[in-house]
Amino acid sequence: MMIWEYFTLTNILKIVVIIASAYIVSKIFEIIFLKRLQKRKKERSVIIPLKRITSIVIYLVAFISILLVFNIDITAAAAGLGITAIVIGFGLKDIISNWIAGIIIITGGIYRIDDAIRIGNITGVVTDITLRSTILKTYDRNEVIIPNSTMISDKIINLTAGRRELISSIVFLIDYTSNTDKAKKIIEDVLKKNENVTFDEERKREIRFIVRTKEWTTEIETLFWINRLMDEEFIKSRITEAVKKEFERKNILPPLPAAIRKDRLKSRK
C-alpha cells in the first residue's frame, strides 16, 4: 500500500486520540509532580528533571503507537536504523554523555537546586539541573552553563549540601605589635551586628578565628556563617569595610615596616 492509503478517517481518528491521550497523561503527571514539589521543595532538583523524562517517555510511546497505526514493523525498523543509530551516536556522543551524567547527578544527589557549589575556579548557586547541563548563578549575577559530563568528571565542592547557610571566611592582616585579642573582639562585634551573619551557638553557627604570625604581620582568618548565598562577596565586602573603620578608630595598625610604624604611632598620640 502507498503511504497515503493509510490516511483513512479511522487512522486519523486513532492518531488524534493517541496524541490527545499523550498530552492528557503528560499533563496529569505534570500536576502530580508539581503537587509533590509544593510539599517537598528540597527535592526540586530531582522532581523537575524527572518530570521532563516522564514527558519524553510518554511522547515516545505515543510516537511508537502512531507507527503501529501505519502497520510499520517496529522490530524491522529498529534493525534497519541500527547502523544509522551508530553513526548518529558518534555524532551525538557528547549529548548522550551529558544525559547520562545528568541522570547520575539527579539520582545520586551529588548536589541539588539552591546548593552553593564550587567547580574549578567557579563558585555559584545551582539554579537549574537539566539532562544536558547544570546552571550556576555567580555572585556577580552571571549565569554559567556547565555540561553535566564536566560536572561529573571534575572535582566538585558542595559548600552547603542542602543547608540554607554557607560558611565563609575573611583574612584580616594587622601589624604584629597590635593587640590580637582586641582585633578579634572588633571583628566579632562587627559580625554579630551584620544581619546576614548567622550566630547561633546551639546550632554550632559560631565565629571562629585562626591566627597566624608572619614577618611584620599577624594574620587573622575569620570563619563565620552567612544566610544569603548569592550575596557572599557583597556581604564580605561590607564586613571588611566596617572592620577596617573600627581598626582605624581603635588604633589597630595594618602591617608596617618599623620606621613607618613609629611615625604612625607618634602621629596618633
Protein backbone atom coordinates (compact mmCIF):
# COMPACT_ATOMS: atom_id res chain seq x y z
CA MET A 1 0.00 0.00 0.00
CA MET A 2 1.07 3.55 -0.71
CA ILE A 3 1.57 5.66 2.39
CA TRP A 4 -1.36 8.00 1.70
CA GLU A 5 -3.68 4.98 1.63
CA TYR A 6 -3.11 4.65 5.39
CA PHE A 7 -4.60 8.10 5.97
CA THR A 8 -8.14 6.84 6.36
CA LEU A 9 -10.65 8.52 8.62
CA THR A 10 -10.28 5.70 11.15
CA ASN A 11 -6.47 6.01 11.26
CA ILE A 12 -6.62 9.79 11.51
CA LEU A 13 -9.01 9.47 14.46
CA LYS A 14 -6.64 6.94 16.08
CA ILE A 15 -3.70 9.33 15.68
CA VAL A 16 -5.71 12.21 17.16
CA VAL A 17 -6.71 10.02 20.12
CA ILE A 18 -3.09 8.91 20.67
CA ILE A 19 -1.76 12.48 20.59
CA ALA A 20 -4.58 13.76 22.81
CA SER A 21 -4.07 10.89 25.27
CA ALA A 22 -0.33 11.53 25.42
CA TYR A 23 -0.97 15.21 26.10
CA ILE A 24 -3.53 14.48 28.84
CA VAL A 25 -1.36 11.85 30.53
CA SER A 26 1.64 14.19 30.35
CA LYS A 27 -0.40 16.97 31.99
CA ILE A 28 -1.67 14.60 34.71
CA PHE A 29 1.91 13.63 35.60
CA GLU A 30 2.93 17.29 35.49
CA ILE A 31 0.22 18.14 38.05
CA ILE A 32 1.33 15.22 40.25
CA PHE A 33 4.95 16.35 40.12
CA LEU A 34 4.03 19.99 40.83
CA LYS A 35 1.94 19.00 43.86
CA ARG A 36 4.84 16.93 45.17
CA LEU A 37 7.15 19.85 44.51
CA GLN A 38 4.98 22.16 46.63
CA LYS A 39 5.19 19.72 49.54
CA ARG A 40 8.87 18.89 49.13
CA LYS A 41 10.65 21.94 47.73
CA LYS A 42 14.04 20.50 48.68
CA GLU A 43 13.50 17.74 46.09
CA ARG A 44 13.09 20.22 43.23
CA SER A 45 16.37 19.17 41.63
CA VAL A 46 15.01 15.60 41.35
CA ILE A 47 11.34 16.30 40.59
CA ILE A 48 11.80 18.80 37.73
CA PRO A 49 14.17 16.61 35.63
CA LEU A 50 12.03 13.56 36.42
CA LYS A 51 9.01 15.43 35.06
CA ARG A 52 10.91 16.11 31.83
CA ILE A 53 11.99 12.48 31.48
CA THR A 54 8.41 11.29 32.05
CA SER A 55 7.12 13.61 29.29
CA ILE A 56 9.77 12.31 26.88
CA VAL A 57 8.83 8.68 27.62
CA ILE A 58 5.07 9.39 27.20
CA TYR A 59 5.51 11.08 23.81
CA LEU A 60 7.95 8.37 22.70
CA VAL A 61 5.31 5.74 23.45
CA ALA A 62 2.78 7.87 21.52
CA PHE A 63 5.16 8.04 18.53
CA ILE A 64 5.61 4.26 18.51
CA SER A 65 1.83 3.82 18.73
CA ILE A 66 1.38 6.06 15.68
CA LEU A 67 3.88 3.94 13.76
CA LEU A 68 1.83 0.86 14.63
CA VAL A 69 -1.27 2.57 13.22
CA PHE A 70 0.57 2.68 9.87
CA ASN A 71 1.43 -1.04 10.23
CA ILE A 72 5.13 -0.29 10.38
CA ASP A 73 7.15 -3.21 11.77
CA ILE A 74 8.94 -1.66 14.75
CA THR A 75 11.46 -4.51 15.01
CA ALA A 76 12.41 -4.32 11.35
CA ALA A 77 12.57 -0.53 11.52
CA ALA A 78 14.80 -0.70 14.58
CA ALA A 79 17.12 -3.19 12.85
CA GLY A 80 17.21 -1.05 9.73
CA LEU A 81 18.06 2.00 11.80
CA GLY A 82 20.79 0.17 13.71
CA ILE A 83 23.68 1.32 11.54
CA THR A 84 22.22 4.81 11.29
CA ALA A 85 21.88 4.92 15.08
CA ILE A 86 25.55 4.03 15.49
CA VAL A 87 26.61 6.79 13.11
CA ILE A 88 24.33 9.29 14.81
CA GLY A 89 25.56 8.05 18.19
CA PHE A 90 29.11 9.04 17.37
CA GLY A 91 27.90 12.47 16.35
CA LEU A 92 25.80 12.85 19.47
CA LYS A 93 28.18 11.19 21.92
CA ASP A 94 28.72 14.44 23.84
CA ILE A 95 24.97 14.98 24.21
CA ILE A 96 24.44 11.36 25.26
CA SER A 97 27.27 11.53 27.82
CA ASN A 98 25.72 14.72 29.22
CA TRP A 99 22.33 12.98 29.53
CA ILE A 100 23.85 10.01 31.33
CA ALA A 101 25.78 12.33 33.63
CA GLY A 102 22.58 14.30 34.25
CA ILE A 103 20.75 11.16 35.36
CA ILE A 104 23.66 10.27 37.68
CA ILE A 105 23.61 13.78 39.20
CA ILE A 106 19.83 13.76 39.66
CA THR A 107 19.55 10.27 41.13
CA GLY A 108 22.81 10.39 43.08
CA GLY A 109 22.04 13.64 44.88
CA ILE A 110 25.57 14.97 44.30
CA TYR A 111 24.08 18.46 44.55
CA ARG A 112 20.61 19.97 44.32
CA ILE A 113 18.98 23.18 43.18
CA ASP A 114 19.82 26.05 45.60
CA ASP A 115 23.06 24.40 46.72
CA ALA A 116 26.18 26.57 46.58
CA ILE A 117 28.95 24.63 44.85
CA ARG A 118 32.48 25.22 43.60
CA ILE A 119 33.88 23.60 40.47
CA GLY A 120 37.34 24.68 39.39
CA ASN A 121 37.56 28.43 39.88
CA ILE A 122 33.79 28.92 39.53
CA THR A 123 31.60 29.33 42.61
CA GLY A 124 27.85 29.78 42.37
CA VAL A 125 24.37 28.70 43.39
CA VAL A 126 22.68 25.92 41.39
CA THR A 127 19.55 27.40 39.78
CA ASP A 128 18.64 24.52 37.47
CA ILE A 129 19.66 20.97 36.59
CA THR A 130 18.65 19.66 33.16
CA LEU A 131 19.57 16.40 31.50
CA ARG A 132 22.25 18.19 29.47
CA SER A 133 23.67 20.83 31.79
CA THR A 134 23.78 22.47 35.21
CA ILE A 135 23.17 26.21 35.52
CA LEU A 136 25.01 28.21 38.19
CA LYS A 137 24.43 31.82 39.17
CA THR A 138 27.61 33.52 40.38
CA TYR A 139 27.83 36.32 42.95
CA ASP A 140 28.04 38.89 40.13
CA ARG A 141 24.68 37.63 38.79
CA ASN A 142 26.13 35.89 35.75
CA GLU A 143 24.65 32.56 34.68
CA VAL A 144 27.20 29.84 33.94
CA ILE A 145 26.01 26.81 31.97
CA ILE A 146 28.22 23.77 32.54
CA PRO A 147 27.76 20.43 30.71
CA ASN A 148 26.85 17.63 33.09
CA SER A 149 29.71 15.48 31.80
CA THR A 150 32.10 18.17 33.06
CA MET A 151 30.30 18.27 36.41
CA ILE A 152 30.81 14.52 36.79
CA SER A 153 34.45 14.41 35.70
CA ASP A 154 35.72 17.47 37.63
CA LYS A 155 36.11 17.90 41.37
CA ILE A 156 33.02 19.48 42.95
CA ILE A 157 32.87 21.05 46.41
CA ASN A 158 29.33 21.28 47.76
CA LEU A 159 29.52 24.27 50.09
CA THR A 160 26.02 23.95 51.56
CA ALA A 161 24.80 20.36 50.96
CA GLY A 162 21.12 21.30 51.27
CA ARG A 163 21.57 23.86 54.04
CA ARG A 164 20.32 27.42 53.66
CA GLU A 165 23.52 28.81 55.15
CA LEU A 166 27.08 28.94 53.96
CA ILE A 167 30.33 29.10 55.89
CA SER A 168 32.52 31.94 54.67
CA SER A 169 35.87 33.43 55.63
CA ILE A 170 37.83 36.68 55.53
CA VAL A 171 41.52 37.12 56.28
CA PHE A 172 42.45 40.32 58.17
CA LEU A 173 46.08 41.45 58.36
CA ILE A 174 47.30 43.55 61.29
CA ASP A 175 50.69 44.71 62.45
CA TYR A 176 52.44 42.22 64.74
CA THR A 177 52.60 44.86 67.51
CA SER A 178 48.81 45.29 67.58
CA ASN A 179 46.71 43.53 70.21
CA THR A 180 45.36 40.37 68.61
CA ASP A 181 42.60 39.82 71.19
CA LYS A 182 41.41 43.39 70.73
CA ALA A 183 41.35 42.92 66.95
CA LYS A 184 39.39 39.66 67.28
CA LYS A 185 36.85 41.38 69.57
CA ILE A 186 36.36 44.17 67.00
CA ILE A 187 35.83 41.62 64.19
CA GLU A 188 33.38 39.60 66.29
CA ASP A 189 31.34 42.70 67.22
CA VAL A 190 31.10 43.75 63.56
CA LEU A 191 29.99 40.27 62.52
CA LYS A 192 27.33 40.00 65.22
CA LYS A 193 25.82 43.32 64.10
CA ASN A 194 25.52 42.20 60.49
CA GLU A 195 22.04 40.88 59.68
CA ASN A 196 23.41 38.48 57.06
CA VAL A 197 25.70 36.71 59.53
CA THR A 198 24.16 33.79 61.41
CA PHE A 199 25.32 33.39 65.01
CA ASP A 200 23.70 30.57 66.97
CA GLU A 201 25.84 28.54 69.38
CA GLU A 202 23.15 25.88 69.85
CA ARG A 203 23.27 25.08 66.12
CA LYS A 204 27.06 25.47 66.09
CA ARG A 205 26.84 28.61 63.96
CA GLU A 206 29.84 30.19 65.65
CA ILE A 207 32.51 32.72 64.80
CA ARG A 208 35.96 31.16 64.81
CA PHE A 209 39.45 32.52 64.36
CA ILE A 210 42.69 31.05 63.03
CA VAL A 211 45.70 33.22 63.91
CA ARG A 212 48.99 33.01 62.03
CA THR A 213 52.11 35.09 62.61
CA LYS A 214 54.42 36.21 59.82
CA GLU A 215 57.11 38.85 59.41
CA TRP A 216 55.63 42.25 60.38
CA THR A 217 52.19 40.67 60.25
CA THR A 218 49.59 38.86 62.29
CA GLU A 219 47.08 37.12 60.07
CA ILE A 220 43.57 36.58 61.48
CA GLU A 221 41.43 34.25 59.38
CA THR A 222 37.81 34.62 60.45
CA LEU A 223 35.23 31.88 59.78
CA PHE A 224 31.51 32.67 60.04
CA TRP A 225 28.11 31.67 58.63
CA ILE A 226 26.05 33.78 56.21
CA ASN A 227 22.37 33.39 55.30
CA ARG A 228 22.37 34.88 51.77
CA LEU A 229 24.32 32.59 49.50
CA MET A 230 24.06 34.72 46.37
CA ASP A 231 25.43 37.81 48.13
CA GLU A 232 28.51 36.27 49.75
CA GLU A 233 31.05 38.59 48.11
CA PHE A 234 28.97 41.70 48.83
CA ILE A 235 28.50 40.68 52.47
CA LYS A 236 32.24 40.07 52.86
CA SER A 237 32.97 43.44 51.28
CA ARG A 238 30.70 45.29 53.72
CA ILE A 239 32.18 43.42 56.69
CA THR A 240 35.73 44.21 55.54
CA GLU A 241 34.92 47.93 55.24
CA ALA A 242 33.30 48.01 58.69
CA VAL A 243 36.21 46.20 60.34
CA LYS A 244 38.74 48.48 58.62
CA LYS A 245 36.96 51.57 60.01
CA GLU A 246 36.91 50.09 63.51
CA PHE A 247 40.60 49.14 63.28
CA GLU A 248 41.47 52.73 62.32
CA ARG A 249 39.30 54.15 65.09
CA LYS A 250 40.82 51.89 67.76
CA ASN A 251 44.44 52.10 66.58
CA ILE A 252 44.80 48.57 65.23
CA LEU A 253 47.60 49.08 62.71
CA PRO A 254 47.96 47.34 59.34
CA PRO A 255 51.30 45.57 58.69
CA LEU A 256 54.00 48.28 58.58
CA PRO A 257 57.82 48.49 58.42
CA ALA A 258 59.40 49.62 61.69
CA ALA A 259 60.15 53.24 60.65
CA ILE A 260 56.66 53.91 59.30
CA ARG A 261 55.07 52.20 62.30
CA LYS A 262 56.95 54.50 64.66
CA ASP A 263 55.81 57.62 62.77
CA ARG A 264 52.20 56.41 62.66
CA LEU A 265 52.13 55.75 66.38
CA LYS A 266 53.60 59.18 67.13
CA SER A 267 51.04 60.92 64.91
CA ARG A 268 48.17 59.27 66.77
CA LYS A 269 49.32 60.37 70.23
